């Protein structure tokens, strides 16, 4: 296989000739010198082209190359401390592959609405590339952390015949005459696989038909959902905390250049250390009411509430012990106080809101059957799930981490849509 040069590895090629296969990001002329910024998907670098090196005819042709044209440039790598990239390339040969038409994203500010409609091109910009590189780093880090800690990846189905958390936020579809849904979580299936493997996780797209236009919501997003047999509430919180710290450190070490491009305050990320504060739902109500929120027992924690909470803490905070009536049927009531469940939401600081939700699951058969009745759910639809309590039931816990929310927090961006390659929102399914 041909050894390929990538800009991200440029430091390894100092004083050597290389060939970049990429696209023209920007070009400016200064008399007999052209300054050409090229990207190849792995990074950006400036190439310096001299008229006396290229020849007058080629030099004049290169001056006319348009933004985002594809090209190959061969030249010698030269260290340059003045360059934002630390290196430049003295071009010896430039070959045009395809001359781009007039590119719709000029090198100036554009509105988000305009850019969203050409998301397939917006992805090429330095900031969008940096955000998605952070997303990829987080995604790989999640897999590495779980794989190294005894978890087995077992995929959950996207099409389901039952609703883990009610049907109001599900996309319903006809499945050969039967009612089915796009999955809003793979958790129930992971409870089954955890009983086979001990520790498992699924990682893939999930769907919520919530008619929300906030900066924190998508109708399609990716979520990792670990599930652990013989694991109680406290141990689950410890695993969640360790995962978040691992991912934050990974972004700091592997995405330094991307964080600089995004002008992210990395000192905020360095604060993500153990232990995370813990407060109960009851204590959170007191905090919110001190901020004139007029909250009553059982009220949801909304986006504005999340912002108030996250602004109170410099590091992520666990909110625990929610009212039993406000949480899903499968969450285990606290034996010490049956009015609350052994559940926790992890809130990120800086106003980023909930990034993890999890709980200990009900492992008692009679208790689960009663909760299904309380939620007016059909036992027949959950027969397979009930079987897990009939055959070798054990204490078990799990949680879900939203990839876009977490990556958006690491990147320091305002809207979650930029952490998705092609975001899906209630008013947007194009491109």
Protein backbone atom coordinates (compact mmCIF):
# COMPACT_ATOMS: atom_id res chain seq x y z
CA UNK A 1 0.00 0.00 0.00
CA UNK A 2 1.28 3.46 -0.94
CA UNK A 3 2.50 5.47 2.03
CA UNK A 4 0.33 8.58 2.20
CA UNK A 5 1.30 11.95 3.66
CA UNK A 6 -1.18 13.61 5.99
CA UNK A 7 -0.89 17.18 7.24
CA UNK A 8 -1.48 16.11 10.84
CA UNK A 9 1.88 14.26 10.70
CA UNK A 10 3.82 17.12 9.12
CA UNK A 11 6.36 17.35 11.96
CA UNK A 12 7.67 13.91 10.98
CA UNK A 13 8.62 15.16 7.49
CA UNK A 14 10.73 18.25 8.21
CA UNK A 15 13.13 19.00 5.30
CA UNK A 16 11.53 16.23 3.21
CA UNK A 17 9.49 16.40 0.03
CA UNK A 18 5.82 15.48 0.45
CA UNK A 19 2.68 15.47 -1.67
CA UNK A 20 -0.57 16.83 -0.25
CA UNK A 21 -3.79 15.51 -1.73
CA UNK A 22 -6.46 17.93 -0.61
CA UNK A 23 -8.53 21.04 -1.23
CA UNK A 24 -7.77 24.73 -1.47
CA UNK A 25 -9.07 26.59 1.59
CA UNK A 26 -7.70 30.05 0.79
CA UNK A 27 -5.28 31.71 -1.61
CA UNK A 28 -3.71 35.14 -1.59
CA UNK A 29 -1.15 36.69 -3.88
CA UNK A 30 1.75 38.97 -3.01
CA UNK A 31 3.51 39.84 -6.23
CA UNK A 32 5.62 36.88 -7.25
CA UNK A 33 4.54 34.76 -4.27
CA UNK A 34 1.33 32.81 -3.66
CA UNK A 35 0.25 31.79 -0.15
CA UNK A 36 -2.00 28.76 -0.46
CA UNK A 37 -3.77 27.28 2.55
CA UNK A 38 -4.64 23.65 1.89
CA UNK A 39 -6.63 21.14 3.90
CA UNK A 40 -6.54 17.37 3.48
CA UNK A 41 -9.09 16.27 6.07
CA UNK A 42 -6.46 15.76 8.75
CA UNK A 43 -5.47 19.39 9.08
CA UNK A 44 -4.54 22.69 7.42
CA UNK A 45 -1.17 23.99 6.23
CA UNK A 46 0.13 26.93 4.23
CA UNK A 47 2.07 26.29 1.03
CA UNK A 48 4.30 29.00 -0.41
CA UNK A 49 4.55 29.04 -4.21
CA UNK A 50 7.21 31.17 -5.97
CA UNK A 51 6.82 32.29 -9.58
CA UNK A 52 10.44 31.43 -10.39
CA UNK A 53 9.90 27.90 -9.01
CA UNK A 54 6.64 27.13 -10.81
CA UNK A 55 7.22 29.07 -13.98
CA UNK A 56 5.13 32.03 -15.12
CA UNK A 57 2.45 30.03 -16.99
CA UNK A 58 1.74 27.60 -14.13
CA UNK A 59 1.96 30.45 -11.61
CA UNK A 60 -0.77 32.41 -13.42
CA UNK A 61 -2.96 29.30 -13.67
CA UNK A 62 -2.62 28.61 -9.95
CA UNK A 63 -3.67 32.19 -9.14
CA UNK A 64 -7.07 31.39 -10.71
CA UNK A 65 -7.76 28.27 -8.67
CA UNK A 66 -11.00 28.73 -6.74
CA UNK A 67 -11.86 27.99 -3.13
CA UNK A 68 -12.47 24.27 -2.43
CA UNK A 69 -10.93 23.13 -5.70
CA UNK A 70 -9.20 19.78 -5.29
CA UNK A 71 -5.49 19.67 -6.00
CA UNK A 72 -2.16 18.00 -5.32
CA UNK A 73 0.82 19.99 -4.12
CA UNK A 74 4.36 18.62 -3.89
CA UNK A 75 7.00 20.50 -1.95
CA UNK A 76 9.50 20.53 0.91
CA UNK A 77 8.36 20.80 4.53
CA UNK A 78 9.94 23.73 6.33
CA UNK A 79 9.69 24.58 10.01
CA UNK A 80 8.30 28.07 10.62
CA UNK A 81 7.52 29.28 14.13
CA UNK A 82 5.49 32.20 12.72
CA UNK A 83 3.01 29.85 11.11
CA UNK A 84 -0.13 28.88 13.09
CA UNK A 85 0.63 25.28 12.12
CA UNK A 86 4.34 25.41 13.01
CA UNK A 87 5.36 24.37 9.48
CA UNK A 88 4.99 25.49 5.89
CA UNK A 89 5.58 23.78 2.58
CA UNK A 90 7.63 25.30 -0.24
CA UNK A 91 5.66 24.22 -3.31
CA UNK A 92 7.53 22.75 -6.26
CA UNK A 93 4.63 21.32 -8.26
CA UNK A 94 0.88 22.05 -8.18
CA UNK A 95 -1.62 19.87 -10.04
CA UNK A 96 -5.28 20.83 -10.28
CA UNK A 97 -7.64 17.86 -9.90
CA UNK A 98 -11.00 19.63 -10.13
CA UNK A 99 -11.81 23.33 -10.45
CA UNK A 100 -14.60 24.16 -8.03
CA UNK A 101 -17.57 26.28 -8.99
CA UNK A 102 -18.14 29.45 -6.96
CA UNK A 103 -18.19 28.17 -3.39
CA UNK A 104 -21.27 29.29 -1.40
CA UNK A 105 -19.41 29.65 1.91
CA UNK A 106 -17.07 32.58 1.49
CA UNK A 107 -14.40 33.28 4.11
CA UNK A 108 -16.64 35.59 6.12
CA UNK A 109 -19.35 35.24 8.73
CA UNK A 110 -22.61 33.58 7.70
CA UNK A 111 -25.84 32.99 9.59
CA UNK A 112 -26.47 29.56 11.15
CA UNK A 113 -29.76 29.19 9.25
CA UNK A 114 -27.94 29.62 5.94
CA UNK A 115 -25.10 27.30 6.93
CA UNK A 116 -27.47 24.62 8.22
CA UNK A 117 -29.05 24.28 4.79
CA UNK A 118 -25.64 23.52 3.30
CA UNK A 119 -24.42 21.38 6.18
CA UNK A 120 -22.75 19.02 3.71
CA UNK A 121 -20.36 21.86 2.84
CA UNK A 122 -20.25 23.58 6.23
CA UNK A 123 -18.56 20.46 7.61
CA UNK A 124 -15.40 21.52 5.77
CA UNK A 125 -14.84 24.65 7.88
CA UNK A 126 -12.13 24.60 10.58
CA UNK A 127 -14.52 24.99 13.52
CA UNK A 128 -17.00 22.37 12.35
CA UNK A 129 -14.16 19.98 11.65
CA UNK A 130 -12.76 20.62 15.14
CA UNK A 131 -16.14 19.91 16.78
CA UNK A 132 -16.59 16.63 14.94
CA UNK A 133 -12.99 15.61 15.65
CA UNK A 134 -13.77 16.07 19.35
CA UNK A 135 -16.94 14.03 18.87
CA UNK A 136 -14.91 11.22 17.26
CA UNK A 137 -12.39 11.34 20.10
CA UNK A 138 -15.17 11.09 22.69
CA UNK A 139 -16.80 8.23 20.80
CA UNK A 140 -13.57 6.26 20.57
CA UNK A 141 -12.78 7.05 24.19
CA UNK A 142 -16.12 5.68 25.36
CA UNK A 143 -15.50 2.41 23.56
CA UNK A 144 -11.94 2.17 24.89
CA UNK A 145 -12.98 2.87 28.49
CA UNK A 146 -15.78 0.33 28.47
CA UNK A 147 -13.83 -2.34 26.59
CA UNK A 148 -10.94 -2.01 29.05
CA UNK A 149 -13.30 -2.27 32.02
CA UNK A 150 -14.88 -5.57 31.18
CA UNK A 151 -17.86 -4.46 29.07
CA UNK A 152 -18.94 -6.30 25.91
CA UNK A 153 -20.55 -4.43 23.03
CA UNK A 154 -23.93 -6.01 22.22
CA UNK A 155 -26.08 -4.03 19.80
CA UNK A 156 -29.70 -3.29 20.69
CA UNK A 157 -32.36 -3.15 17.95
CA UNK A 158 -33.51 0.14 16.43
CA UNK A 159 -37.04 -1.15 15.80
CA UNK A 160 -38.94 -2.09 18.95
CA UNK A 161 -42.43 -3.26 19.80
CA UNK A 162 -42.50 -1.79 23.31
CA UNK A 163 -41.93 1.62 24.86
CA UNK A 164 -39.44 1.82 27.74
CA UNK A 165 -40.59 5.29 28.84
CA UNK A 166 -44.09 5.72 27.36
CA UNK A 167 -45.18 6.40 23.80
CA UNK A 168 -45.54 10.19 23.87
CA UNK A 169 -41.98 10.80 22.62
CA UNK A 170 -41.74 7.85 20.23
CA UNK A 171 -41.79 7.75 16.45
CA UNK A 172 -44.50 5.23 15.66
CA UNK A 173 -44.51 3.21 12.45
CA UNK A 174 -46.38 0.35 10.82
CA UNK A 175 -44.45 -2.92 10.99
CA UNK A 176 -46.24 -5.28 8.60
CA UNK A 177 -49.56 -4.47 10.24
CA UNK A 178 -48.26 -4.29 13.79
CA UNK A 179 -47.42 -1.16 15.74
CA UNK A 180 -43.70 -0.54 16.22
CA UNK A 181 -41.43 2.31 17.23
CA UNK A 182 -38.02 3.75 16.52
CA UNK A 183 -36.00 3.03 19.63
CA UNK A 184 -35.66 5.78 22.22
CA UNK A 185 -33.24 3.61 24.21
CA UNK A 186 -31.56 0.23 23.99
CA UNK A 187 -31.62 -0.16 27.76
CA UNK A 188 -34.21 -2.92 28.17
CA UNK A 189 -32.34 -5.14 25.74
CA UNK A 190 -29.07 -4.38 27.52
CA UNK A 191 -30.61 -5.65 30.74
CA UNK A 192 -31.09 -8.96 28.94
CA UNK A 193 -27.56 -9.02 27.54
CA UNK A 194 -26.04 -8.08 30.91
CA UNK A 195 -27.57 -11.25 32.34
CA UNK A 196 -25.66 -13.17 29.66
CA UNK A 197 -22.32 -11.29 29.71
CA UNK A 198 -22.21 -9.51 33.07
CA UNK A 199 -21.36 -6.06 31.70
CA UNK A 200 -22.55 -4.89 28.29
CA UNK A 201 -23.24 -1.74 26.33
CA UNK A 202 -24.87 -0.60 23.13
CA UNK A 203 -23.84 2.50 21.21
CA UNK A 204 -25.92 3.91 18.40
CA UNK A 205 -28.70 6.24 17.28
CA UNK A 206 -31.80 6.80 19.39
CA UNK A 207 -34.92 8.78 18.55
CA UNK A 208 -37.16 11.16 20.51
CA UNK A 209 -40.27 12.68 18.98
CA UNK A 210 -40.15 15.61 21.37
CA UNK A 211 -41.45 18.86 19.94
CA UNK A 212 -38.64 20.85 21.45
CA UNK A 213 -36.65 23.60 19.77
CA UNK A 214 -34.09 24.15 22.51
CA UNK A 215 -30.37 24.20 21.84
CA UNK A 216 -30.05 20.94 23.82
CA UNK A 217 -32.44 18.74 21.85
CA UNK A 218 -32.27 16.64 18.70
CA UNK A 219 -34.84 14.17 17.42
CA UNK A 220 -32.04 11.74 16.52
CA UNK A 221 -28.94 11.45 18.64
CA UNK A 222 -26.34 8.89 19.59
CA UNK A 223 -26.24 7.35 23.04
CA UNK A 224 -24.03 4.84 24.83
CA UNK A 225 -25.90 2.67 27.32
CA UNK A 226 -23.86 0.46 29.66
CA UNK A 227 -25.69 -2.08 31.80
CA UNK A 228 -24.13 -3.99 34.70
CA UNK A 229 -25.26 -7.15 36.51
CA UNK A 230 -24.45 -7.38 40.22
CA UNK A 231 -24.07 -3.61 40.33
CA UNK A 232 -25.92 -1.35 42.72
CA UNK A 233 -26.58 2.38 42.65
CA UNK A 234 -23.37 3.59 44.31
CA UNK A 235 -21.05 1.53 42.10
CA UNK A 236 -22.84 2.77 38.99
CA UNK A 237 -22.22 6.39 40.02
CA UNK A 238 -18.54 5.62 40.51
CA UNK A 239 -18.30 4.15 37.00
CA UNK A 240 -20.08 7.16 35.50
CA UNK A 241 -17.71 9.55 37.25
CA UNK A 242 -14.64 7.62 36.12
CA UNK A 243 -15.88 7.58 32.52
CA UNK A 244 -16.48 11.35 32.43
CA UNK A 245 -13.06 12.12 33.91
CA UNK A 246 -11.39 9.75 31.45
CA UNK A 247 -13.11 11.40 28.48
CA UNK A 248 -12.33 14.94 29.62
CA UNK A 249 -8.64 14.10 30.02
CA UNK A 250 -8.65 12.39 26.64
CA UNK A 251 -9.99 15.51 24.94
CA UNK A 252 -7.39 17.67 26.69
CA UNK A 253 -4.54 15.48 25.49
CA UNK A 254 -5.71 14.41 22.02
CA UNK A 255 -7.68 17.46 20.87
CA UNK A 256 -5.41 20.31 21.91
CA UNK A 257 -5.37 21.92 18.47
CA UNK A 258 -9.14 21.55 18.04
CA UNK A 259 -9.78 23.18 21.42
CA UNK A 260 -7.55 26.09 20.38
CA UNK A 261 -9.44 26.50 17.10
CA UNK A 262 -12.70 26.62 19.06
CA UNK A 263 -11.22 29.01 21.64
CA UNK A 264 -12.37 26.65 24.37
CA UNK A 265 -11.43 27.60 27.94
CA UNK A 266 -9.51 24.45 28.82
CA UNK A 267 -9.15 25.54 32.44
CA UNK A 268 -12.85 24.70 32.82
CA UNK A 269 -12.18 21.18 31.54
CA UNK A 270 -9.24 20.77 33.92
CA UNK A 271 -11.68 21.20 36.81
CA UNK A 272 -13.35 17.89 35.95
CA UNK A 273 -11.83 15.87 38.77
CA UNK A 274 -13.08 13.45 41.40
CA UNK A 275 -15.23 13.56 43.46
CA UNK A 276 -18.31 15.03 41.80
CA UNK A 277 -20.74 16.79 44.15
CA UNK A 278 -24.01 15.00 44.92
CA UNK A 279 -27.32 16.61 45.84
CA UNK A 280 -30.78 15.12 46.16
CA UNK A 281 -33.79 16.17 44.14
CA UNK A 282 -35.27 17.68 47.32
CA UNK A 283 -32.16 19.81 47.82
CA UNK A 284 -32.29 20.90 44.19
CA UNK A 285 -35.86 22.12 44.63
CA UNK A 286 -34.65 24.31 47.49
CA UNK A 287 -31.86 25.70 45.28
CA UNK A 288 -34.24 26.42 42.41
CA UNK A 289 -36.79 28.08 44.65
CA UNK A 290 -34.08 30.34 46.03
CA UNK A 291 -33.73 31.40 42.40
CA UNK A 292 -37.45 32.23 42.12
CA UNK A 293 -38.42 29.06 40.24
CA UNK A 294 -41.44 28.17 42.43
CA UNK A 295 -40.92 24.40 42.11
CA UNK A 296 -43.16 21.79 43.72
CA UNK A 297 -42.39 18.15 44.58
CA UNK A 298 -42.66 16.10 41.42
CA UNK A 299 -42.01 18.97 38.98
CA UNK A 300 -39.68 18.31 36.08
CA UNK A 301 -36.26 19.93 35.93
CA UNK A 302 -36.40 22.05 32.78
CA UNK A 303 -33.71 23.55 30.60
CA UNK A 304 -33.69 26.80 32.55
CA UNK A 305 -33.50 24.83 35.80
CA UNK A 306 -30.54 22.88 34.44
CA UNK A 307 -28.78 26.12 33.63
CA UNK A 308 -29.30 27.43 37.17
CA UNK A 309 -28.03 24.17 38.64
CA UNK A 310 -24.98 23.89 36.41
CA UNK A 311 -24.00 27.49 37.11
CA UNK A 312 -23.84 26.65 40.83
CA UNK A 313 -21.04 24.11 40.38
CA UNK A 314 -17.64 24.21 38.68
CA UNK A 315 -17.66 20.47 38.00
CA UNK A 316 -20.38 17.96 37.09
CA UNK A 317 -22.97 17.33 39.81
CA UNK A 318 -25.13 14.27 40.45
CA UNK A 319 -28.79 14.92 41.25
CA UNK A 320 -30.15 11.84 43.00
CA UNK A 321 -33.31 10.32 44.50
CA UNK A 322 -36.04 11.60 42.22
CA UNK A 323 -39.77 11.23 43.01
CA UNK A 324 -40.96 7.78 42.01
CA UNK A 325 -43.89 9.22 40.01
CA UNK A 326 -41.58 11.30 37.82
CA UNK A 327 -39.32 8.50 36.60
CA UNK A 328 -39.61 5.41 34.41
CA UNK A 329 -41.31 2.21 35.54
CA UNK A 330 -38.10 0.14 35.68
CA UNK A 331 -36.26 2.30 38.25
CA UNK A 332 -35.83 0.75 41.68
CA UNK A 333 -37.50 2.53 44.62
CA UNK A 334 -35.15 3.41 47.45
CA UNK A 335 -35.73 0.80 50.23
CA UNK A 336 -35.08 3.55 52.79
CA UNK A 337 -37.66 5.87 51.22
CA UNK A 338 -40.06 4.27 48.70
CA UNK A 339 -41.24 7.72 47.57
CA UNK A 340 -38.00 8.17 45.61
CA UNK A 341 -36.03 6.02 43.18
CA UNK A 342 -32.36 5.11 43.10
CA UNK A 343 -31.73 7.26 40.05
CA UNK A 344 -29.34 10.05 39.20
CA UNK A 345 -28.86 12.64 36.48
CA UNK A 346 -25.38 14.04 35.94
CA UNK A 347 -25.43 17.76 35.15
CA UNK A 348 -22.50 19.37 33.36
CA UNK A 349 -21.32 22.83 34.45
CA UNK A 350 -21.36 25.99 32.31
CA UNK A 351 -25.03 25.59 31.48
CA UNK A 352 -24.71 22.38 29.45
CA UNK A 353 -27.33 20.50 31.45
CA UNK A 354 -27.87 16.76 31.75
CA UNK A 355 -25.24 14.56 30.12
CA UNK A 356 -25.97 11.22 31.85
CA UNK A 357 -29.11 9.64 33.23
CA UNK A 358 -29.08 6.34 35.08
CA UNK A 359 -30.54 4.23 37.84
CA UNK A 360 -30.55 0.94 39.64
CA UNK A 361 -33.20 -1.25 37.99
CA UNK A 362 -36.02 -3.11 39.68
CA UNK A 363 -34.93 -6.71 40.18
CA UNK A 364 -37.98 -7.95 42.11
CA UNK A 365 -40.70 -9.59 39.98
CA UNK A 366 -43.73 -8.48 42.00
CA UNK A 367 -42.45 -4.93 42.22
CA UNK A 368 -41.92 -4.75 38.46
CA UNK A 369 -45.40 -6.12 37.75
CA UNK A 370 -46.90 -3.48 40.02
CA UNK A 371 -44.98 -0.69 38.32
CA UNK A 372 -46.20 -1.85 34.91
CA UNK A 373 -49.76 -1.60 36.26
CA UNK A 374 -49.07 1.84 37.70
CA UNK A 375 -47.95 3.01 34.24
CA UNK A 376 -50.88 1.21 32.57
CA UNK A 377 -48.52 -0.79 30.38
CA UNK A 378 -49.52 -4.09 28.82
CA UNK A 379 -47.70 -7.02 30.45
CA UNK A 380 -47.81 -8.99 27.19
CA UNK A 381 -45.64 -6.35 25.49
CA UNK A 382 -43.01 -6.79 28.22
CA UNK A 383 -43.22 -10.53 28.73
CA UNK A 384 -39.63 -11.08 27.66
CA UNK A 385 -38.47 -8.27 29.95
CA UNK A 386 -40.43 -9.73 32.88
CA UNK A 387 -38.69 -13.07 32.26
CA UNK A 388 -35.43 -11.47 33.34
CA UNK A 389 -36.92 -11.31 36.87
CA UNK A 390 -38.16 -14.89 36.69
CA UNK A 391 -34.87 -16.54 35.74
CA UNK A 392 -31.84 -15.57 37.81
CA UNK A 393 -32.67 -11.97 38.71
CA UNK A 394 -29.84 -9.98 40.34
CA UNK A 395 -29.30 -6.37 41.43
CA UNK A 396 -28.30 -4.42 38.33
CA UNK A 397 -27.82 -0.84 37.18
CA UNK A 398 -27.17 1.14 34.04
CA UNK A 399 -26.99 4.57 32.51
CA UNK A 400 -27.09 6.43 29.22
CA UNK A 401 -24.68 9.13 28.01
CA UNK A 402 -25.65 11.34 25.08
CA UNK A 403 -22.75 11.68 22.65
CA UNK A 404 -23.74 15.03 21.13
CA UNK A 405 -24.35 16.70 24.48
CA UNK A 406 -21.06 15.44 25.86
CA UNK A 407 -19.07 16.41 22.76
CA UNK A 408 -20.78 19.81 22.70
CA UNK A 409 -19.77 20.39 26.30
CA UNK A 410 -16.15 19.43 25.59
CA UNK A 411 -16.09 21.71 22.53
CA UNK A 412 -17.76 24.59 24.37
CA UNK A 413 -20.35 25.18 21.66
CA UNK A 414 -23.70 26.84 22.18
CA UNK A 415 -25.99 24.54 20.19
CA UNK A 416 -25.98 20.73 20.23
CA UNK A 417 -26.77 20.62 16.50
CA UNK A 418 -23.13 21.40 15.67
CA UNK A 419 -22.03 18.24 17.48
CA UNK A 420 -23.98 16.11 15.00
CA UNK A 421 -22.70 15.61 11.44
CA UNK A 422 -26.22 15.92 10.03
CA UNK A 423 -28.54 17.06 12.85
CA UNK A 424 -32.21 16.13 12.95
CA UNK A 425 -34.58 18.58 14.62
CA UNK A 426 -38.33 18.99 14.49
CA UNK A 427 -38.11 21.57 11.73
CA UNK A 428 -35.12 20.08 9.93
CA UNK A 429 -34.42 16.84 8.09
CA UNK A 430 -32.38 18.31 5.18
CA UNK A 431 -29.70 17.66 4.10
